[in-house]
N, C-alpha and C. Protein backbone atom coordinates (compact mmCIF):
# COMPACT_ATOMS: atom_id res chain seq x y z
N MET A 1 0.84 -1.20 0.00
CA MET A 1 0.00 0.00 0.00
C MET A 1 0.88 1.25 0.00
N GLN A 2 0.48 2.23 -0.77
CA GLN A 2 1.25 3.46 -0.85
C GLN A 2 1.06 4.28 0.41
N SER A 3 2.15 4.86 0.93
CA SER A 3 2.07 5.67 2.14
C SER A 3 1.50 7.04 1.83
N GLU A 4 0.88 7.67 2.85
CA GLU A 4 0.35 9.02 2.70
C GLU A 4 1.47 9.99 2.35
N LYS A 5 2.65 9.78 2.92
CA LYS A 5 3.78 10.67 2.68
C LYS A 5 4.19 10.64 1.22
N SER A 6 4.29 9.43 0.65
CA SER A 6 4.72 9.33 -0.74
C SER A 6 3.69 9.92 -1.69
N MET A 7 2.40 9.78 -1.38
CA MET A 7 1.36 10.37 -2.20
C MET A 7 1.45 11.90 -2.17
N CYS A 8 1.65 12.43 -0.96
CA CYS A 8 1.77 13.90 -0.81
C CYS A 8 3.00 14.40 -1.56
N GLU A 9 4.09 13.67 -1.47
CA GLU A 9 5.32 14.07 -2.17
C GLU A 9 5.13 14.05 -3.68
N TYR A 10 4.39 13.07 -4.16
CA TYR A 10 4.13 12.98 -5.59
C TYR A 10 3.35 14.20 -6.07
N TYR A 11 2.27 14.57 -5.37
CA TYR A 11 1.47 15.70 -5.82
C TYR A 11 2.18 17.03 -5.61
N ALA A 12 3.03 17.11 -4.60
CA ALA A 12 3.84 18.32 -4.44
C ALA A 12 4.78 18.48 -5.63
N ALA A 13 5.39 17.38 -6.05
CA ALA A 13 6.30 17.42 -7.20
C ALA A 13 5.56 17.69 -8.50
N ARG A 14 4.30 17.28 -8.57
CA ARG A 14 3.51 17.41 -9.79
C ARG A 14 2.76 18.74 -9.87
N ALA A 15 2.82 19.54 -8.83
CA ALA A 15 1.97 20.74 -8.72
C ALA A 15 1.99 21.62 -9.96
N GLN A 16 3.18 21.92 -10.47
CA GLN A 16 3.30 22.86 -11.59
C GLN A 16 2.82 22.29 -12.92
N GLU A 17 2.67 20.98 -13.01
CA GLU A 17 2.21 20.38 -14.26
C GLU A 17 0.86 19.69 -14.13
N TYR A 18 0.26 19.77 -12.93
CA TYR A 18 -0.97 19.02 -12.69
C TYR A 18 -2.08 19.39 -13.65
N ASP A 19 -2.29 20.67 -13.89
CA ASP A 19 -3.44 21.10 -14.69
C ASP A 19 -3.36 20.70 -16.16
N ALA A 20 -2.20 20.20 -16.59
CA ALA A 20 -2.08 19.73 -17.98
C ALA A 20 -3.05 18.59 -18.26
N ILE A 21 -3.46 17.86 -17.22
CA ILE A 21 -4.39 16.75 -17.40
C ILE A 21 -5.74 17.24 -17.91
N TYR A 22 -6.06 18.49 -17.61
CA TYR A 22 -7.33 19.06 -18.05
C TYR A 22 -7.28 19.62 -19.47
N GLN A 23 -6.15 19.48 -20.13
CA GLN A 23 -6.01 20.00 -21.49
C GLN A 23 -6.16 18.92 -22.56
N LYS A 24 -6.37 17.68 -22.16
CA LYS A 24 -6.51 16.62 -23.16
C LYS A 24 -7.72 16.90 -24.05
N PRO A 25 -7.54 17.00 -25.36
CA PRO A 25 -8.63 17.39 -26.26
C PRO A 25 -9.86 16.50 -26.17
N GLU A 26 -9.65 15.20 -26.07
CA GLU A 26 -10.78 14.27 -26.08
C GLU A 26 -11.65 14.36 -24.83
N ARG A 27 -11.16 15.02 -23.79
CA ARG A 27 -11.91 15.10 -22.53
C ARG A 27 -12.66 16.42 -22.35
N GLN A 28 -12.53 17.32 -23.30
CA GLN A 28 -13.11 18.65 -23.13
C GLN A 28 -14.64 18.64 -23.03
N ALA A 29 -15.30 17.81 -23.81
CA ALA A 29 -16.77 17.78 -23.77
C ALA A 29 -17.26 17.36 -22.39
N ASP A 30 -16.65 16.31 -21.84
CA ASP A 30 -16.99 15.87 -20.48
C ASP A 30 -16.77 16.99 -19.47
N LEU A 31 -15.61 17.61 -19.56
CA LEU A 31 -15.25 18.63 -18.57
C LEU A 31 -16.21 19.81 -18.58
N ARG A 32 -16.63 20.27 -19.76
CA ARG A 32 -17.54 21.41 -19.81
C ARG A 32 -18.87 21.07 -19.12
N ILE A 33 -19.36 19.86 -19.33
CA ILE A 33 -20.61 19.44 -18.70
C ILE A 33 -20.44 19.39 -17.18
N ILE A 34 -19.37 18.78 -16.72
CA ILE A 34 -19.16 18.60 -15.29
C ILE A 34 -18.87 19.93 -14.60
N GLU A 35 -18.12 20.81 -15.26
CA GLU A 35 -17.82 22.12 -14.69
C GLU A 35 -19.08 22.94 -14.44
N ASP A 36 -20.09 22.73 -15.25
CA ASP A 36 -21.36 23.44 -15.09
C ASP A 36 -22.27 22.74 -14.08
N TRP A 37 -22.23 21.43 -14.07
CA TRP A 37 -23.17 20.64 -13.27
C TRP A 37 -22.84 20.63 -11.78
N ILE A 38 -21.56 20.41 -11.43
CA ILE A 38 -21.17 20.30 -10.02
C ILE A 38 -21.50 21.56 -9.22
N PRO A 39 -21.20 22.76 -9.70
CA PRO A 39 -21.56 23.96 -8.93
C PRO A 39 -23.06 24.08 -8.68
N GLN A 40 -23.87 23.61 -9.60
CA GLN A 40 -25.31 23.66 -9.39
C GLN A 40 -25.73 22.76 -8.24
N ILE A 41 -25.14 21.59 -8.14
CA ILE A 41 -25.45 20.65 -7.06
C ILE A 41 -25.07 21.25 -5.70
N LEU A 42 -23.98 21.99 -5.66
CA LEU A 42 -23.45 22.52 -4.40
C LEU A 42 -23.86 23.96 -4.15
N SER A 43 -24.68 24.52 -5.00
CA SER A 43 -25.08 25.92 -4.89
C SER A 43 -25.73 26.22 -3.54
N GLY A 44 -25.29 27.31 -2.91
CA GLY A 44 -25.87 27.77 -1.66
C GLY A 44 -25.47 26.98 -0.43
N ARG A 45 -24.58 26.03 -0.58
CA ARG A 45 -24.19 25.17 0.53
C ARG A 45 -22.82 25.53 1.11
N ARG A 46 -22.62 25.12 2.35
CA ARG A 46 -21.32 25.25 3.00
C ARG A 46 -20.54 23.98 2.65
N VAL A 47 -19.52 24.14 1.84
CA VAL A 47 -18.84 23.01 1.23
C VAL A 47 -17.46 22.78 1.85
N LEU A 48 -17.21 21.53 2.22
CA LEU A 48 -15.87 21.10 2.60
C LEU A 48 -15.28 20.36 1.41
N GLU A 49 -14.22 20.91 0.83
CA GLU A 49 -13.58 20.25 -0.30
C GLU A 49 -12.34 19.51 0.19
N ILE A 50 -12.30 18.23 -0.08
CA ILE A 50 -11.19 17.37 0.33
C ILE A 50 -10.18 17.26 -0.80
N ALA A 51 -8.89 17.42 -0.46
CA ALA A 51 -7.81 17.27 -1.44
C ALA A 51 -8.06 18.15 -2.66
N CYS A 52 -8.14 19.43 -2.43
CA CYS A 52 -8.50 20.39 -3.49
C CYS A 52 -7.40 20.57 -4.52
N GLY A 53 -6.17 20.17 -4.20
CA GLY A 53 -5.07 20.27 -5.16
C GLY A 53 -4.84 21.70 -5.62
N THR A 54 -4.76 21.90 -6.92
CA THR A 54 -4.49 23.22 -7.49
C THR A 54 -5.73 24.10 -7.58
N GLY A 55 -6.85 23.62 -7.04
CA GLY A 55 -8.07 24.43 -7.03
C GLY A 55 -8.82 24.48 -8.34
N TYR A 56 -8.55 23.52 -9.23
CA TYR A 56 -9.25 23.55 -10.52
C TYR A 56 -10.76 23.49 -10.31
N TRP A 57 -11.24 22.60 -9.45
CA TRP A 57 -12.67 22.48 -9.23
C TRP A 57 -13.17 23.52 -8.23
N THR A 58 -12.31 23.95 -7.35
CA THR A 58 -12.68 24.99 -6.39
C THR A 58 -13.12 26.25 -7.11
N GLN A 59 -12.47 26.59 -8.20
CA GLN A 59 -12.78 27.83 -8.92
C GLN A 59 -14.20 27.83 -9.50
N PHE A 60 -14.76 26.66 -9.76
CA PHE A 60 -16.12 26.58 -10.27
C PHE A 60 -17.14 26.52 -9.14
N ILE A 61 -16.77 25.88 -8.05
CA ILE A 61 -17.67 25.72 -6.91
C ILE A 61 -17.85 27.01 -6.12
N ALA A 62 -16.75 27.71 -5.88
CA ALA A 62 -16.75 28.87 -4.98
C ALA A 62 -17.77 29.95 -5.34
N PRO A 63 -17.94 30.33 -6.60
CA PRO A 63 -18.90 31.40 -6.90
C PRO A 63 -20.35 31.04 -6.58
N LYS A 64 -20.67 29.77 -6.56
CA LYS A 64 -22.05 29.33 -6.31
C LYS A 64 -22.30 28.95 -4.85
N ALA A 65 -21.29 28.48 -4.17
CA ALA A 65 -21.45 28.00 -2.79
C ALA A 65 -21.57 29.15 -1.80
N ALA A 66 -22.20 28.88 -0.67
CA ALA A 66 -22.29 29.88 0.40
C ALA A 66 -20.93 30.05 1.06
N GLN A 67 -20.19 28.96 1.17
CA GLN A 67 -18.87 28.96 1.81
C GLN A 67 -18.10 27.76 1.30
N VAL A 68 -16.78 27.90 1.16
CA VAL A 68 -15.93 26.77 0.80
C VAL A 68 -14.70 26.77 1.70
N VAL A 69 -14.51 25.66 2.39
CA VAL A 69 -13.26 25.39 3.08
C VAL A 69 -12.59 24.27 2.31
N ALA A 70 -11.41 24.54 1.76
CA ALA A 70 -10.73 23.58 0.89
C ALA A 70 -9.42 23.15 1.53
N ILE A 71 -9.26 21.84 1.70
CA ILE A 71 -8.04 21.35 2.35
C ILE A 71 -7.20 20.54 1.37
N ASP A 72 -5.91 20.52 1.64
CA ASP A 72 -4.98 19.68 0.89
C ASP A 72 -3.76 19.47 1.78
N ALA A 73 -3.03 18.41 1.51
CA ALA A 73 -1.85 18.10 2.32
C ALA A 73 -0.58 18.76 1.78
N ALA A 74 -0.63 19.27 0.55
CA ALA A 74 0.57 19.82 -0.09
C ALA A 74 0.49 21.34 -0.21
N GLN A 75 1.43 22.01 0.38
CA GLN A 75 1.49 23.47 0.29
C GLN A 75 1.69 23.93 -1.15
N GLU A 76 2.44 23.15 -1.92
CA GLU A 76 2.74 23.53 -3.30
C GLU A 76 1.49 23.66 -4.16
N THR A 77 0.54 22.74 -3.99
CA THR A 77 -0.69 22.82 -4.78
C THR A 77 -1.61 23.92 -4.25
N LEU A 78 -1.65 24.11 -2.94
CA LEU A 78 -2.49 25.16 -2.37
C LEU A 78 -2.06 26.55 -2.84
N GLU A 79 -0.78 26.77 -3.01
CA GLU A 79 -0.30 28.07 -3.47
C GLU A 79 -0.84 28.38 -4.86
N ILE A 80 -0.95 27.37 -5.70
CA ILE A 80 -1.53 27.57 -7.03
C ILE A 80 -3.02 27.84 -6.91
N ALA A 81 -3.71 27.09 -6.06
CA ALA A 81 -5.15 27.26 -5.87
C ALA A 81 -5.50 28.66 -5.41
N LYS A 82 -4.70 29.22 -4.55
CA LYS A 82 -4.98 30.55 -4.00
C LYS A 82 -4.88 31.66 -5.04
N GLN A 83 -4.18 31.40 -6.14
CA GLN A 83 -3.97 32.43 -7.16
C GLN A 83 -5.09 32.48 -8.20
N ARG A 84 -6.02 31.56 -8.14
CA ARG A 84 -7.10 31.56 -9.13
C ARG A 84 -8.07 32.70 -8.86
N GLU A 85 -8.61 33.23 -9.94
CA GLU A 85 -9.46 34.43 -9.85
C GLU A 85 -10.69 34.22 -8.98
N ASN A 86 -11.30 33.05 -9.04
CA ASN A 86 -12.56 32.82 -8.33
C ASN A 86 -12.41 32.18 -6.97
N THR A 87 -11.19 32.14 -6.43
CA THR A 87 -10.99 31.46 -5.15
C THR A 87 -10.57 32.41 -4.02
N LYS A 88 -10.72 33.69 -4.22
CA LYS A 88 -10.22 34.66 -3.24
C LYS A 88 -10.92 34.56 -1.89
N LYS A 89 -12.18 34.13 -1.89
CA LYS A 89 -12.93 34.03 -0.63
C LYS A 89 -12.90 32.63 -0.02
N VAL A 90 -12.19 31.73 -0.66
CA VAL A 90 -12.11 30.35 -0.16
C VAL A 90 -11.13 30.29 1.01
N ASP A 91 -11.50 29.52 2.02
CA ASP A 91 -10.63 29.29 3.17
C ASP A 91 -9.79 28.05 2.89
N PHE A 92 -8.56 28.25 2.44
CA PHE A 92 -7.65 27.14 2.13
C PHE A 92 -6.86 26.77 3.38
N ARG A 93 -6.75 25.46 3.62
CA ARG A 93 -6.02 24.99 4.80
C ARG A 93 -5.21 23.74 4.50
N ILE A 94 -4.04 23.65 5.10
CA ILE A 94 -3.27 22.42 5.08
C ILE A 94 -3.90 21.47 6.08
N ALA A 95 -4.27 20.28 5.63
CA ALA A 95 -4.89 19.32 6.53
C ALA A 95 -4.79 17.92 5.94
N ASP A 96 -4.87 16.94 6.83
CA ASP A 96 -4.83 15.53 6.47
C ASP A 96 -6.26 15.03 6.28
N ALA A 97 -6.56 14.53 5.10
CA ALA A 97 -7.91 14.05 4.81
C ALA A 97 -8.33 12.90 5.70
N TYR A 98 -7.36 12.17 6.25
CA TYR A 98 -7.66 11.04 7.12
C TYR A 98 -7.76 11.44 8.60
N ALA A 99 -7.48 12.69 8.89
CA ALA A 99 -7.57 13.17 10.27
C ALA A 99 -8.06 14.62 10.22
N LEU A 100 -9.31 14.79 9.85
CA LEU A 100 -9.86 16.13 9.66
C LEU A 100 -9.91 16.89 10.98
N PRO A 101 -9.36 18.09 11.02
CA PRO A 101 -9.31 18.86 12.27
C PRO A 101 -10.71 19.23 12.78
N ASP A 102 -10.87 19.22 14.10
CA ASP A 102 -12.16 19.58 14.70
C ASP A 102 -12.57 21.01 14.37
N GLN A 103 -11.59 21.89 14.23
CA GLN A 103 -11.88 23.31 14.03
C GLN A 103 -12.35 23.65 12.62
N LEU A 104 -12.48 22.67 11.75
CA LEU A 104 -12.96 22.95 10.40
C LEU A 104 -14.38 23.50 10.42
N GLY A 105 -15.19 23.06 11.37
CA GLY A 105 -16.57 23.51 11.43
C GLY A 105 -17.53 22.45 10.94
N SER A 106 -18.76 22.85 10.65
CA SER A 106 -19.80 21.93 10.19
C SER A 106 -20.27 22.35 8.81
N PHE A 107 -20.59 21.37 7.98
CA PHE A 107 -20.91 21.63 6.58
C PHE A 107 -22.15 20.86 6.16
N ASP A 108 -22.81 21.35 5.11
CA ASP A 108 -23.93 20.60 4.55
C ASP A 108 -23.62 20.07 3.16
N ALA A 109 -22.33 20.05 2.82
CA ALA A 109 -21.88 19.42 1.58
C ALA A 109 -20.39 19.13 1.65
N ALA A 110 -19.99 18.07 0.96
CA ALA A 110 -18.57 17.75 0.83
C ALA A 110 -18.30 17.35 -0.62
N PHE A 111 -17.14 17.73 -1.10
CA PHE A 111 -16.77 17.42 -2.48
C PHE A 111 -15.32 16.99 -2.52
N ALA A 112 -15.02 16.04 -3.38
CA ALA A 112 -13.63 15.65 -3.64
C ALA A 112 -13.50 15.27 -5.11
N GLY A 113 -12.60 15.93 -5.80
CA GLY A 113 -12.32 15.63 -7.20
C GLY A 113 -11.02 14.87 -7.34
N PHE A 114 -11.10 13.63 -7.82
CA PHE A 114 -9.93 12.79 -8.09
C PHE A 114 -9.14 12.45 -6.83
N TRP A 115 -9.85 12.35 -5.72
CA TRP A 115 -9.25 11.92 -4.45
C TRP A 115 -9.70 10.51 -4.09
N PHE A 116 -10.98 10.22 -4.33
CA PHE A 116 -11.55 8.95 -3.90
C PHE A 116 -10.74 7.77 -4.43
N SER A 117 -10.28 7.86 -5.66
CA SER A 117 -9.55 6.76 -6.29
C SER A 117 -8.19 6.52 -5.65
N HIS A 118 -7.70 7.46 -4.85
CA HIS A 118 -6.42 7.29 -4.17
C HIS A 118 -6.57 6.74 -2.75
N ILE A 119 -7.80 6.52 -2.32
CA ILE A 119 -8.01 5.98 -0.98
C ILE A 119 -7.85 4.46 -1.03
N PRO A 120 -6.98 3.89 -0.22
CA PRO A 120 -6.90 2.42 -0.18
C PRO A 120 -8.26 1.83 0.16
N LEU A 121 -8.63 0.74 -0.48
CA LEU A 121 -9.96 0.18 -0.30
C LEU A 121 -10.30 -0.07 1.17
N GLN A 122 -9.32 -0.51 1.94
CA GLN A 122 -9.56 -0.83 3.33
C GLN A 122 -9.73 0.42 4.21
N ARG A 123 -9.47 1.59 3.63
CA ARG A 123 -9.62 2.83 4.39
C ARG A 123 -10.84 3.66 3.99
N VAL A 124 -11.58 3.19 2.99
CA VAL A 124 -12.71 3.97 2.50
C VAL A 124 -13.75 4.20 3.59
N ARG A 125 -14.21 3.14 4.23
CA ARG A 125 -15.25 3.29 5.25
C ARG A 125 -14.78 4.16 6.42
N PRO A 126 -13.59 3.93 6.98
CA PRO A 126 -13.13 4.83 8.05
C PRO A 126 -13.05 6.29 7.60
N PHE A 127 -12.59 6.50 6.35
CA PHE A 127 -12.52 7.87 5.83
C PHE A 127 -13.91 8.50 5.78
N LEU A 128 -14.89 7.77 5.23
CA LEU A 128 -16.24 8.31 5.10
C LEU A 128 -16.87 8.58 6.46
N ILE A 129 -16.68 7.67 7.40
CA ILE A 129 -17.25 7.86 8.74
C ILE A 129 -16.67 9.10 9.41
N ASP A 130 -15.36 9.31 9.24
CA ASP A 130 -14.74 10.51 9.81
C ASP A 130 -15.23 11.77 9.10
N LEU A 131 -15.37 11.69 7.78
CA LEU A 131 -15.87 12.83 7.01
C LEU A 131 -17.27 13.21 7.47
N HIS A 132 -18.11 12.22 7.69
CA HIS A 132 -19.50 12.48 8.09
C HIS A 132 -19.60 13.21 9.42
N LYS A 133 -18.58 13.08 10.26
CA LYS A 133 -18.58 13.79 11.55
C LYS A 133 -18.53 15.30 11.36
N LYS A 134 -18.08 15.73 10.19
CA LYS A 134 -18.00 17.17 9.87
C LYS A 134 -19.23 17.65 9.10
N LEU A 135 -20.16 16.72 8.84
CA LEU A 135 -21.31 17.04 8.00
C LEU A 135 -22.62 16.94 8.78
N MET A 136 -23.57 17.75 8.39
CA MET A 136 -24.89 17.71 8.98
C MET A 136 -25.68 16.53 8.40
N PRO A 137 -26.70 16.04 9.13
CA PRO A 137 -27.58 15.00 8.56
C PRO A 137 -28.21 15.50 7.26
N GLY A 138 -28.24 14.67 6.25
CA GLY A 138 -28.80 15.08 4.98
C GLY A 138 -27.86 15.88 4.10
N ALA A 139 -26.60 15.99 4.52
CA ALA A 139 -25.61 16.71 3.70
C ALA A 139 -25.33 15.94 2.42
N ILE A 140 -24.99 16.67 1.38
CA ILE A 140 -24.63 16.05 0.10
C ILE A 140 -23.13 15.74 0.09
N VAL A 141 -22.79 14.53 -0.30
CA VAL A 141 -21.40 14.15 -0.52
C VAL A 141 -21.26 13.83 -2.00
N LEU A 142 -20.29 14.45 -2.65
CA LEU A 142 -20.13 14.32 -4.10
C LEU A 142 -18.68 14.03 -4.45
N PHE A 143 -18.47 12.93 -5.15
CA PHE A 143 -17.14 12.55 -5.61
C PHE A 143 -17.11 12.56 -7.13
N LEU A 144 -15.99 13.03 -7.66
CA LEU A 144 -15.71 13.03 -9.10
C LEU A 144 -14.39 12.31 -9.31
N ASP A 145 -14.35 11.40 -10.29
CA ASP A 145 -13.09 10.69 -10.50
C ASP A 145 -13.03 10.11 -11.92
N ASN A 146 -11.93 9.41 -12.18
CA ASN A 146 -11.66 8.88 -13.52
C ASN A 146 -12.27 7.50 -13.75
N LEU A 147 -12.78 7.31 -14.94
CA LEU A 147 -13.04 5.97 -15.45
C LEU A 147 -11.74 5.43 -16.02
N TYR A 148 -11.60 4.12 -16.03
CA TYR A 148 -10.46 3.55 -16.73
C TYR A 148 -10.85 3.35 -18.18
N VAL A 149 -10.14 4.03 -19.08
CA VAL A 149 -10.43 3.95 -20.51
C VAL A 149 -9.21 3.36 -21.20
N GLU A 150 -9.37 2.16 -21.69
CA GLU A 150 -8.27 1.45 -22.34
C GLU A 150 -7.70 2.28 -23.49
N GLY A 151 -6.38 2.43 -23.50
CA GLY A 151 -5.72 3.19 -24.54
C GLY A 151 -5.61 4.67 -24.26
N ASN A 152 -6.31 5.14 -23.22
CA ASN A 152 -6.26 6.56 -22.86
C ASN A 152 -5.74 6.76 -21.45
N SER A 153 -6.18 5.92 -20.54
CA SER A 153 -5.73 6.01 -19.15
C SER A 153 -4.32 5.43 -19.01
N THR A 154 -3.60 5.88 -17.99
CA THR A 154 -2.32 5.27 -17.66
C THR A 154 -2.55 3.81 -17.28
N PRO A 155 -1.83 2.87 -17.88
CA PRO A 155 -2.07 1.45 -17.60
C PRO A 155 -1.91 1.11 -16.12
N ILE A 156 -2.67 0.12 -15.68
CA ILE A 156 -2.51 -0.40 -14.32
C ILE A 156 -1.32 -1.34 -14.33
N GLY A 157 -0.37 -1.07 -13.45
CA GLY A 157 0.85 -1.85 -13.45
C GLY A 157 0.84 -3.04 -12.52
N GLU A 158 0.09 -2.92 -11.40
CA GLU A 158 0.08 -3.99 -10.42
C GLU A 158 -1.09 -3.82 -9.47
N SER A 159 -1.33 -4.85 -8.68
CA SER A 159 -2.32 -4.78 -7.62
C SER A 159 -1.75 -5.41 -6.37
N ASP A 160 -2.35 -5.12 -5.21
CA ASP A 160 -1.86 -5.70 -3.96
C ASP A 160 -2.86 -6.70 -3.42
N LYS A 161 -2.59 -7.24 -2.25
CA LYS A 161 -3.43 -8.30 -1.70
C LYS A 161 -4.81 -7.80 -1.30
N GLU A 162 -4.96 -6.48 -1.10
CA GLU A 162 -6.27 -5.89 -0.80
C GLU A 162 -7.03 -5.50 -2.07
N GLU A 163 -6.43 -5.78 -3.24
CA GLU A 163 -7.01 -5.50 -4.55
C GLU A 163 -6.96 -4.02 -4.93
N ASN A 164 -6.11 -3.26 -4.25
CA ASN A 164 -5.82 -1.91 -4.72
C ASN A 164 -4.97 -2.01 -5.98
N THR A 165 -5.17 -1.08 -6.91
CA THR A 165 -4.39 -1.09 -8.15
C THR A 165 -3.46 0.12 -8.21
N TYR A 166 -2.39 -0.02 -8.96
CA TYR A 166 -1.34 0.99 -9.00
C TYR A 166 -0.93 1.33 -10.44
N GLN A 167 -0.55 2.58 -10.63
CA GLN A 167 0.00 3.04 -11.90
C GLN A 167 1.42 3.54 -11.69
N ILE A 168 2.23 3.48 -12.72
CA ILE A 168 3.55 4.11 -12.71
C ILE A 168 3.44 5.39 -13.54
N ARG A 169 3.64 6.51 -12.89
CA ARG A 169 3.50 7.80 -13.56
C ARG A 169 4.84 8.50 -13.63
N LYS A 170 5.11 9.13 -14.77
CA LYS A 170 6.35 9.86 -14.97
C LYS A 170 6.07 11.36 -15.04
N LEU A 171 6.90 12.13 -14.35
CA LEU A 171 6.80 13.58 -14.38
C LEU A 171 7.80 14.18 -15.36
N ARG A 172 7.64 15.45 -15.62
CA ARG A 172 8.51 16.12 -16.61
C ARG A 172 9.97 16.13 -16.20
N ASP A 173 10.23 16.01 -14.89
CA ASP A 173 11.62 16.00 -14.43
C ASP A 173 12.27 14.63 -14.60
N GLY A 174 11.51 13.68 -15.17
CA GLY A 174 12.05 12.36 -15.44
C GLY A 174 11.84 11.34 -14.34
N THR A 175 11.33 11.78 -13.19
CA THR A 175 11.12 10.85 -12.08
C THR A 175 9.87 10.00 -12.31
N SER A 176 9.90 8.77 -11.80
CA SER A 176 8.77 7.85 -11.88
C SER A 176 8.18 7.65 -10.49
N HIS A 177 6.85 7.55 -10.43
CA HIS A 177 6.17 7.41 -9.14
C HIS A 177 5.13 6.29 -9.22
N ARG A 178 5.14 5.44 -8.23
CA ARG A 178 4.13 4.38 -8.09
C ARG A 178 2.94 4.97 -7.33
N VAL A 179 1.80 5.06 -8.01
CA VAL A 179 0.64 5.78 -7.47
C VAL A 179 -0.56 4.84 -7.34
N LEU A 180 -1.14 4.76 -6.15
CA LEU A 180 -2.35 3.99 -5.94
C LEU A 180 -3.50 4.67 -6.68
N LYS A 181 -4.20 3.92 -7.51
CA LYS A 181 -5.31 4.48 -8.29
C LYS A 181 -6.33 3.37 -8.53
N ASN A 182 -7.46 3.46 -7.84
CA ASN A 182 -8.52 2.47 -7.97
C ASN A 182 -9.61 2.98 -8.91
N PHE A 183 -10.33 2.05 -9.50
CA PHE A 183 -11.40 2.39 -10.44
C PHE A 183 -12.67 1.62 -10.04
N PRO A 184 -13.37 2.13 -9.01
CA PRO A 184 -14.54 1.41 -8.49
C PRO A 184 -15.72 1.46 -9.45
N SER A 185 -16.52 0.41 -9.42
CA SER A 185 -17.74 0.35 -10.20
C SER A 185 -18.87 1.03 -9.44
N GLU A 186 -19.99 1.25 -10.12
CA GLU A 186 -21.16 1.83 -9.46
C GLU A 186 -21.60 0.94 -8.29
N GLU A 187 -21.62 -0.35 -8.48
CA GLU A 187 -22.05 -1.27 -7.43
C GLU A 187 -21.11 -1.21 -6.24
N GLU A 188 -19.82 -1.12 -6.49
CA GLU A 188 -18.84 -1.04 -5.40
C GLU A 188 -18.99 0.25 -4.61
N LEU A 189 -19.25 1.34 -5.31
CA LEU A 189 -19.45 2.62 -4.63
C LEU A 189 -20.68 2.58 -3.72
N LYS A 190 -21.75 2.02 -4.23
CA LYS A 190 -22.97 1.94 -3.44
C LYS A 190 -22.80 1.04 -2.22
N LYS A 191 -22.03 -0.01 -2.38
CA LYS A 191 -21.78 -0.90 -1.24
C LYS A 191 -20.96 -0.20 -0.17
N MET A 192 -20.07 0.69 -0.57
CA MET A 192 -19.20 1.39 0.37
C MET A 192 -19.96 2.32 1.31
N ILE A 193 -21.18 2.75 0.90
CA ILE A 193 -21.93 3.68 1.75
C ILE A 193 -23.11 3.00 2.44
N GLU A 194 -23.19 1.69 2.36
CA GLU A 194 -24.30 0.99 3.00
C GLU A 194 -24.33 1.30 4.50
N GLY A 195 -25.50 1.73 4.98
CA GLY A 195 -25.67 2.02 6.40
C GLY A 195 -25.25 3.41 6.83
N ILE A 196 -24.57 4.15 5.94
CA ILE A 196 -24.12 5.50 6.31
C ILE A 196 -24.57 6.56 5.32
N GLY A 197 -25.11 6.15 4.17
CA GLY A 197 -25.55 7.12 3.17
C GLY A 197 -26.72 6.60 2.37
N GLY A 198 -27.50 7.53 1.83
CA GLY A 198 -28.66 7.15 1.03
C GLY A 198 -28.84 8.07 -0.16
N GLU A 199 -29.87 7.78 -0.97
CA GLU A 199 -30.19 8.56 -2.16
C GLU A 199 -28.99 8.67 -3.10
N ALA A 200 -28.33 7.55 -3.30
CA ALA A 200 -27.12 7.54 -4.13
C ALA A 200 -27.44 7.74 -5.61
N GLN A 201 -26.60 8.51 -6.27
CA GLN A 201 -26.74 8.73 -7.71
C GLN A 201 -25.37 8.61 -8.37
N TYR A 202 -25.31 7.83 -9.42
CA TYR A 202 -24.07 7.60 -10.16
C TYR A 202 -24.25 8.08 -11.58
N HIS A 203 -23.31 8.86 -12.07
CA HIS A 203 -23.34 9.33 -13.45
C HIS A 203 -22.04 8.93 -14.12
N ARG A 204 -22.15 8.34 -15.28
CA ARG A 204 -20.99 7.89 -16.05
C ARG A 204 -20.85 8.77 -17.29
N PHE A 205 -19.68 9.36 -17.45
CA PHE A 205 -19.38 10.14 -18.63
C PHE A 205 -18.44 9.32 -19.52
N ASN A 206 -17.83 9.93 -20.50
CA ASN A 206 -16.91 9.18 -21.36
C ASN A 206 -15.60 8.85 -20.65
N TYR A 207 -15.13 9.79 -19.81
CA TYR A 207 -13.83 9.63 -19.16
C TYR A 207 -13.90 9.74 -17.64
N TYR A 208 -15.05 10.10 -17.10
CA TYR A 208 -15.19 10.36 -15.68
C TYR A 208 -16.46 9.75 -15.11
N TRP A 209 -16.51 9.64 -13.80
CA TRP A 209 -17.75 9.29 -13.11
C TRP A 209 -17.97 10.26 -11.96
N THR A 210 -19.23 10.44 -11.61
CA THR A 210 -19.56 11.16 -10.37
C THR A 210 -20.47 10.28 -9.54
N PHE A 211 -20.34 10.41 -8.25
CA PHE A 211 -21.14 9.64 -7.31
C PHE A 211 -21.53 10.56 -6.17
N SER A 212 -22.81 10.67 -5.93
CA SER A 212 -23.30 11.52 -4.85
C SER A 212 -24.28 10.76 -3.98
N TYR A 213 -24.39 11.19 -2.74
CA TYR A 213 -25.35 10.61 -1.82
C TYR A 213 -25.58 11.60 -0.67
N LYS A 214 -26.54 11.29 0.18
CA LYS A 214 -26.82 12.12 1.34
C LYS A 214 -26.50 11.36 2.62
N THR A 215 -25.93 12.07 3.58
CA THR A 215 -25.63 11.45 4.86
C THR A 215 -26.93 11.15 5.61
N LEU A 216 -26.92 10.07 6.36
CA LEU A 216 -28.12 9.68 7.09
C LEU A 216 -28.21 10.41 8.43
N PRO A 217 -29.44 10.57 8.96
CA PRO A 217 -29.62 11.22 10.27
C PRO A 217 -28.88 10.46 11.36
C-alpha cells in the first residue's frame, strides 16, 4: 500500500504540471458538462472540499457555494489554488484528509475531485465515517473521478493483496512514481456507503464518473 507521505510528495512534485491533465482534447466535452453541473449541485451550501489540489474544481464551486473550506496536504498545490481568480474568498487549509481537524466547522456538503480513487480500499469506510462527523444530517457528498479507458488512461501496473491497483506515472523531471489508483464500479461505490448514506446517484461520462449521496440522520 502506498504511504500518505509518498502520495503527498508525488502531488507536491507534480503541482506545476498538474493542470495539464485538463487539457486533453478528447476530454473537453466531459469537462464542460461537469464544470457546469457540479456547482449547481453545491449551490448555496457550505462546502468542505477534500484534497483540493491546485483548485481547478474549487474555482467553479466557490462562486455558487455559500462557503468553501478547501483542504490539501501539499502546500505547493495550495499556493496555485490561492492564485485563481474565483478562489479569493475560499478558506484554504493544510490538513490531512484522514484526520480532519475539529476546528474545520460543520458543513452541509462535501466534495472531492480525483481523491476517492487514491483511498486504499480498506480505508474507504473509516474515511467516510470521519468525514460524516464534519457534516450535517442530509448533507450532500459528491465525488468526481476517472473511469479507466483502455488506450487513454495510464495502464494499471500492479495490484496488492487488498485488490488496490497501482499506476507508474512519470513527471517532466524524469522521475517515476508508483501511485495507488482504484477504479470502483457503481455497485462497489454503493456498497461502500451501506448504512451510512442514502439517495445515491451515479453518473458515467466518457472519461469520468460522479457519485453523490446524502448522509443519514
